[in-house]
N, C-alpha and C. Protein backbone atom coordinates (compact mmCIF):
# COMPACT_ATOMS: atom_id res chain seq x y z
N MET A 1 21.03 6.26 -11.81
CA MET A 1 20.76 5.21 -10.85
C MET A 1 20.10 5.78 -9.58
N LYS A 2 20.58 6.95 -9.16
CA LYS A 2 20.03 7.51 -7.93
C LYS A 2 18.57 7.91 -8.11
N SER A 3 18.21 8.33 -9.34
CA SER A 3 16.81 8.69 -9.56
C SER A 3 15.92 7.45 -9.50
N LEU A 4 16.43 6.31 -9.97
CA LEU A 4 15.66 5.07 -9.89
C LEU A 4 15.50 4.64 -8.43
N ARG A 5 16.56 4.81 -7.65
CA ARG A 5 16.47 4.47 -6.24
C ARG A 5 15.49 5.39 -5.53
N GLY A 6 15.54 6.69 -5.87
CA GLY A 6 14.60 7.64 -5.27
C GLY A 6 13.17 7.34 -5.65
N PHE A 7 12.95 6.96 -6.92
CA PHE A 7 11.61 6.57 -7.35
C PHE A 7 11.13 5.35 -6.57
N GLY A 8 12.03 4.39 -6.39
CA GLY A 8 11.66 3.17 -5.66
C GLY A 8 11.24 3.46 -4.24
N VAL A 9 12.02 4.28 -3.56
CA VAL A 9 11.70 4.61 -2.16
C VAL A 9 10.40 5.39 -2.09
N THR A 10 10.21 6.33 -3.01
CA THR A 10 8.98 7.12 -3.01
C THR A 10 7.76 6.25 -3.30
N ALA A 11 7.87 5.35 -4.27
CA ALA A 11 6.75 4.48 -4.62
C ALA A 11 6.40 3.55 -3.45
N ILE A 12 7.42 3.02 -2.78
CA ILE A 12 7.17 2.16 -1.61
C ILE A 12 6.44 2.96 -0.54
N TYR A 13 6.90 4.17 -0.28
CA TYR A 13 6.30 5.01 0.76
C TYR A 13 4.83 5.32 0.43
N ILE A 14 4.57 5.71 -0.81
CA ILE A 14 3.20 6.05 -1.20
C ILE A 14 2.30 4.82 -1.15
N GLY A 15 2.79 3.68 -1.64
CA GLY A 15 2.00 2.45 -1.62
C GLY A 15 1.65 2.01 -0.22
N VAL A 16 2.62 2.03 0.67
CA VAL A 16 2.37 1.62 2.05
C VAL A 16 1.44 2.61 2.73
N THR A 17 1.60 3.89 2.45
CA THR A 17 0.74 4.91 3.05
C THR A 17 -0.72 4.75 2.61
N ILE A 18 -0.93 4.51 1.32
CA ILE A 18 -2.30 4.29 0.82
C ILE A 18 -2.91 3.06 1.48
N GLY A 19 -2.16 1.98 1.53
CA GLY A 19 -2.67 0.75 2.13
C GLY A 19 -2.98 0.91 3.62
N ALA A 20 -2.08 1.56 4.34
CA ALA A 20 -2.29 1.74 5.78
C ALA A 20 -3.46 2.69 6.05
N THR A 21 -3.60 3.72 5.24
CA THR A 21 -4.71 4.65 5.42
C THR A 21 -6.04 3.97 5.15
N LEU A 22 -6.10 3.21 4.09
CA LEU A 22 -7.34 2.50 3.75
C LEU A 22 -7.69 1.48 4.82
N TRP A 23 -6.70 0.72 5.27
CA TRP A 23 -6.94 -0.27 6.31
C TRP A 23 -7.38 0.40 7.60
N GLY A 24 -6.67 1.46 8.00
CA GLY A 24 -6.99 2.16 9.25
C GLY A 24 -8.37 2.77 9.23
N SER A 25 -8.76 3.32 8.11
CA SER A 25 -10.08 3.93 7.98
C SER A 25 -11.19 2.89 8.14
N ASN A 26 -11.08 1.80 7.41
CA ASN A 26 -12.11 0.76 7.49
C ASN A 26 -12.11 0.07 8.85
N PHE A 27 -10.93 -0.14 9.41
CA PHE A 27 -10.82 -0.80 10.70
C PHE A 27 -11.46 0.05 11.79
N SER A 28 -11.19 1.36 11.78
CA SER A 28 -11.75 2.22 12.82
C SER A 28 -13.27 2.33 12.69
N ASP A 29 -13.77 2.39 11.45
CA ASP A 29 -15.22 2.43 11.25
C ASP A 29 -15.88 1.16 11.79
N TYR A 30 -15.28 0.01 11.50
CA TYR A 30 -15.85 -1.25 11.96
C TYR A 30 -15.76 -1.37 13.49
N MET A 31 -14.64 -0.93 14.08
CA MET A 31 -14.49 -1.01 15.53
C MET A 31 -15.51 -0.13 16.23
N LEU A 32 -15.81 1.04 15.64
CA LEU A 32 -16.83 1.90 16.23
C LEU A 32 -18.18 1.20 16.23
N LEU A 33 -18.53 0.58 15.12
CA LEU A 33 -19.81 -0.15 15.06
C LEU A 33 -19.82 -1.33 16.03
N GLU A 34 -18.67 -2.00 16.16
CA GLU A 34 -18.60 -3.13 17.09
C GLU A 34 -18.75 -2.66 18.54
N ASP A 35 -18.13 -1.52 18.86
CA ASP A 35 -18.26 -0.98 20.22
C ASP A 35 -19.70 -0.61 20.54
N LEU A 36 -20.41 -0.15 19.53
CA LEU A 36 -21.81 0.21 19.73
C LEU A 36 -22.75 -1.00 19.64
N GLY A 37 -22.18 -2.16 19.33
CA GLY A 37 -22.98 -3.37 19.22
C GLY A 37 -23.75 -3.46 17.92
N LEU A 38 -23.30 -2.73 16.91
CA LEU A 38 -24.00 -2.70 15.63
C LEU A 38 -23.25 -3.44 14.53
N ASP A 39 -22.32 -4.30 14.90
CA ASP A 39 -21.51 -4.98 13.88
C ASP A 39 -22.32 -5.96 13.05
N ALA A 40 -23.46 -6.42 13.54
CA ALA A 40 -24.31 -7.33 12.76
C ALA A 40 -25.39 -6.57 11.99
N SER A 41 -25.39 -5.25 12.12
CA SER A 41 -26.40 -4.44 11.43
C SER A 41 -26.05 -4.32 9.95
N ALA A 42 -26.90 -3.64 9.22
CA ALA A 42 -26.67 -3.45 7.78
C ALA A 42 -25.39 -2.65 7.53
N ALA A 43 -25.11 -1.67 8.40
CA ALA A 43 -23.88 -0.88 8.24
C ALA A 43 -22.64 -1.73 8.50
N GLY A 44 -22.70 -2.61 9.49
CA GLY A 44 -21.57 -3.49 9.78
C GLY A 44 -21.31 -4.46 8.65
N VAL A 45 -22.38 -5.00 8.09
CA VAL A 45 -22.24 -5.93 6.96
C VAL A 45 -21.69 -5.19 5.74
N ALA A 46 -22.13 -3.96 5.53
CA ALA A 46 -21.64 -3.17 4.39
C ALA A 46 -20.16 -2.85 4.54
N LEU A 47 -19.70 -2.62 5.76
CA LEU A 47 -18.29 -2.33 5.97
C LEU A 47 -17.40 -3.55 5.75
N GLN A 48 -17.98 -4.73 5.89
CA GLN A 48 -17.19 -5.94 5.68
C GLN A 48 -16.97 -6.23 4.21
N LYS A 49 -17.76 -5.63 3.35
CA LYS A 49 -17.61 -5.84 1.91
C LYS A 49 -16.60 -4.83 1.35
N VAL A 50 -15.83 -5.25 0.38
CA VAL A 50 -14.85 -4.38 -0.25
C VAL A 50 -15.48 -3.78 -1.50
N SER A 51 -15.54 -2.45 -1.53
CA SER A 51 -16.14 -1.79 -2.69
C SER A 51 -15.16 -1.76 -3.85
N LEU A 52 -15.66 -1.37 -5.00
CA LEU A 52 -14.83 -1.29 -6.19
C LEU A 52 -13.71 -0.25 -6.02
N GLY A 53 -14.04 0.88 -5.41
CA GLY A 53 -13.03 1.91 -5.18
C GLY A 53 -11.95 1.45 -4.21
N GLU A 54 -12.36 0.75 -3.16
CA GLU A 54 -11.38 0.23 -2.21
C GLU A 54 -10.50 -0.83 -2.85
N ARG A 55 -11.10 -1.67 -3.69
CA ARG A 55 -10.32 -2.69 -4.38
C ARG A 55 -9.29 -2.03 -5.31
N PHE A 56 -9.70 -0.96 -6.00
CA PHE A 56 -8.79 -0.23 -6.87
C PHE A 56 -7.63 0.36 -6.06
N LEU A 57 -7.95 0.98 -4.91
CA LEU A 57 -6.89 1.57 -4.09
C LEU A 57 -5.96 0.50 -3.52
N LEU A 58 -6.51 -0.65 -3.13
CA LEU A 58 -5.67 -1.73 -2.63
C LEU A 58 -4.74 -2.25 -3.72
N ASN A 59 -5.27 -2.39 -4.94
CA ASN A 59 -4.43 -2.84 -6.05
C ASN A 59 -3.35 -1.82 -6.37
N MET A 60 -3.70 -0.54 -6.38
CA MET A 60 -2.71 0.51 -6.64
C MET A 60 -1.64 0.52 -5.55
N SER A 61 -2.08 0.32 -4.32
CA SER A 61 -1.14 0.28 -3.20
C SER A 61 -0.15 -0.88 -3.37
N ALA A 62 -0.67 -2.04 -3.73
CA ALA A 62 0.20 -3.21 -3.91
C ALA A 62 1.14 -3.01 -5.10
N LEU A 63 0.62 -2.48 -6.20
CA LEU A 63 1.46 -2.24 -7.38
C LEU A 63 2.55 -1.22 -7.10
N LEU A 64 2.20 -0.13 -6.42
CA LEU A 64 3.21 0.87 -6.09
C LEU A 64 4.27 0.31 -5.16
N THR A 65 3.84 -0.44 -4.17
CA THR A 65 4.80 -1.00 -3.21
C THR A 65 5.72 -2.01 -3.89
N LEU A 66 5.16 -2.93 -4.65
CA LEU A 66 5.99 -3.94 -5.32
C LEU A 66 6.84 -3.33 -6.43
N GLY A 67 6.26 -2.40 -7.19
CA GLY A 67 7.03 -1.73 -8.24
C GLY A 67 8.16 -0.90 -7.66
N GLY A 68 7.89 -0.22 -6.57
CA GLY A 68 8.93 0.55 -5.91
C GLY A 68 10.03 -0.32 -5.35
N LEU A 69 9.65 -1.45 -4.79
CA LEU A 69 10.65 -2.39 -4.28
C LEU A 69 11.51 -2.94 -5.42
N GLY A 70 10.85 -3.28 -6.53
CA GLY A 70 11.60 -3.75 -7.70
C GLY A 70 12.55 -2.70 -8.25
N GLY A 71 12.07 -1.45 -8.34
CA GLY A 71 12.93 -0.37 -8.81
C GLY A 71 14.10 -0.11 -7.88
N PHE A 72 13.85 -0.16 -6.60
CA PHE A 72 14.92 0.05 -5.61
C PHE A 72 15.97 -1.05 -5.71
N LEU A 73 15.52 -2.30 -5.79
CA LEU A 73 16.46 -3.42 -5.89
C LEU A 73 17.23 -3.38 -7.22
N LEU A 74 16.56 -2.99 -8.30
CA LEU A 74 17.22 -2.86 -9.59
C LEU A 74 18.29 -1.78 -9.53
N ALA A 75 17.99 -0.66 -8.89
CA ALA A 75 18.97 0.42 -8.76
C ALA A 75 20.18 -0.04 -7.96
N LEU A 76 19.94 -0.76 -6.88
CA LEU A 76 21.07 -1.27 -6.09
C LEU A 76 21.92 -2.25 -6.90
N PHE A 77 21.26 -3.12 -7.67
CA PHE A 77 21.98 -4.08 -8.49
C PHE A 77 22.81 -3.37 -9.56
N LEU A 78 22.24 -2.36 -10.23
CA LEU A 78 22.96 -1.64 -11.28
C LEU A 78 24.12 -0.83 -10.71
N GLU A 79 23.93 -0.23 -9.54
CA GLU A 79 25.02 0.51 -8.91
C GLU A 79 26.16 -0.43 -8.52
N ARG A 80 25.83 -1.58 -8.00
CA ARG A 80 26.86 -2.55 -7.62
C ARG A 80 27.61 -3.06 -8.86
N LYS A 81 26.87 -3.29 -9.94
CA LYS A 81 27.48 -3.76 -11.16
C LYS A 81 28.41 -2.68 -11.74
N ALA A 82 27.98 -1.43 -11.72
CA ALA A 82 28.82 -0.34 -12.22
C ALA A 82 30.06 -0.15 -11.35
N ARG A 83 29.92 -0.32 -10.05
CA ARG A 83 31.06 -0.18 -9.14
C ARG A 83 32.06 -1.31 -9.37
N ASN A 84 31.60 -2.51 -9.64
CA ASN A 84 32.50 -3.64 -9.88
C ASN A 84 33.22 -3.54 -11.21
N GLN A 85 32.59 -2.89 -12.21
CA GLN A 85 33.22 -2.75 -13.52
C GLN A 85 34.31 -1.70 -13.55
N SER A 86 34.23 -0.72 -12.66
CA SER A 86 35.24 0.35 -12.67
C SER A 86 36.38 0.11 -11.71
């Protein structure tokens, strides 16, 4: 049970870290272009589009976070059930 809980916490951490890193990277790039007044340029428009790689990372981030949360909750439920049976 503890390994499932550890997996859940680790998966949540990795998923949130990937999502925050991806968001922070794109946000800072866009803010730099906006500060320079280039947000309507071709580079600004390109940054507003989500590439295939970014979509893959966002999906992996969401799956890891939700899967980790599910694993963590399942571990807590199984531990509580085992504690009540003994």
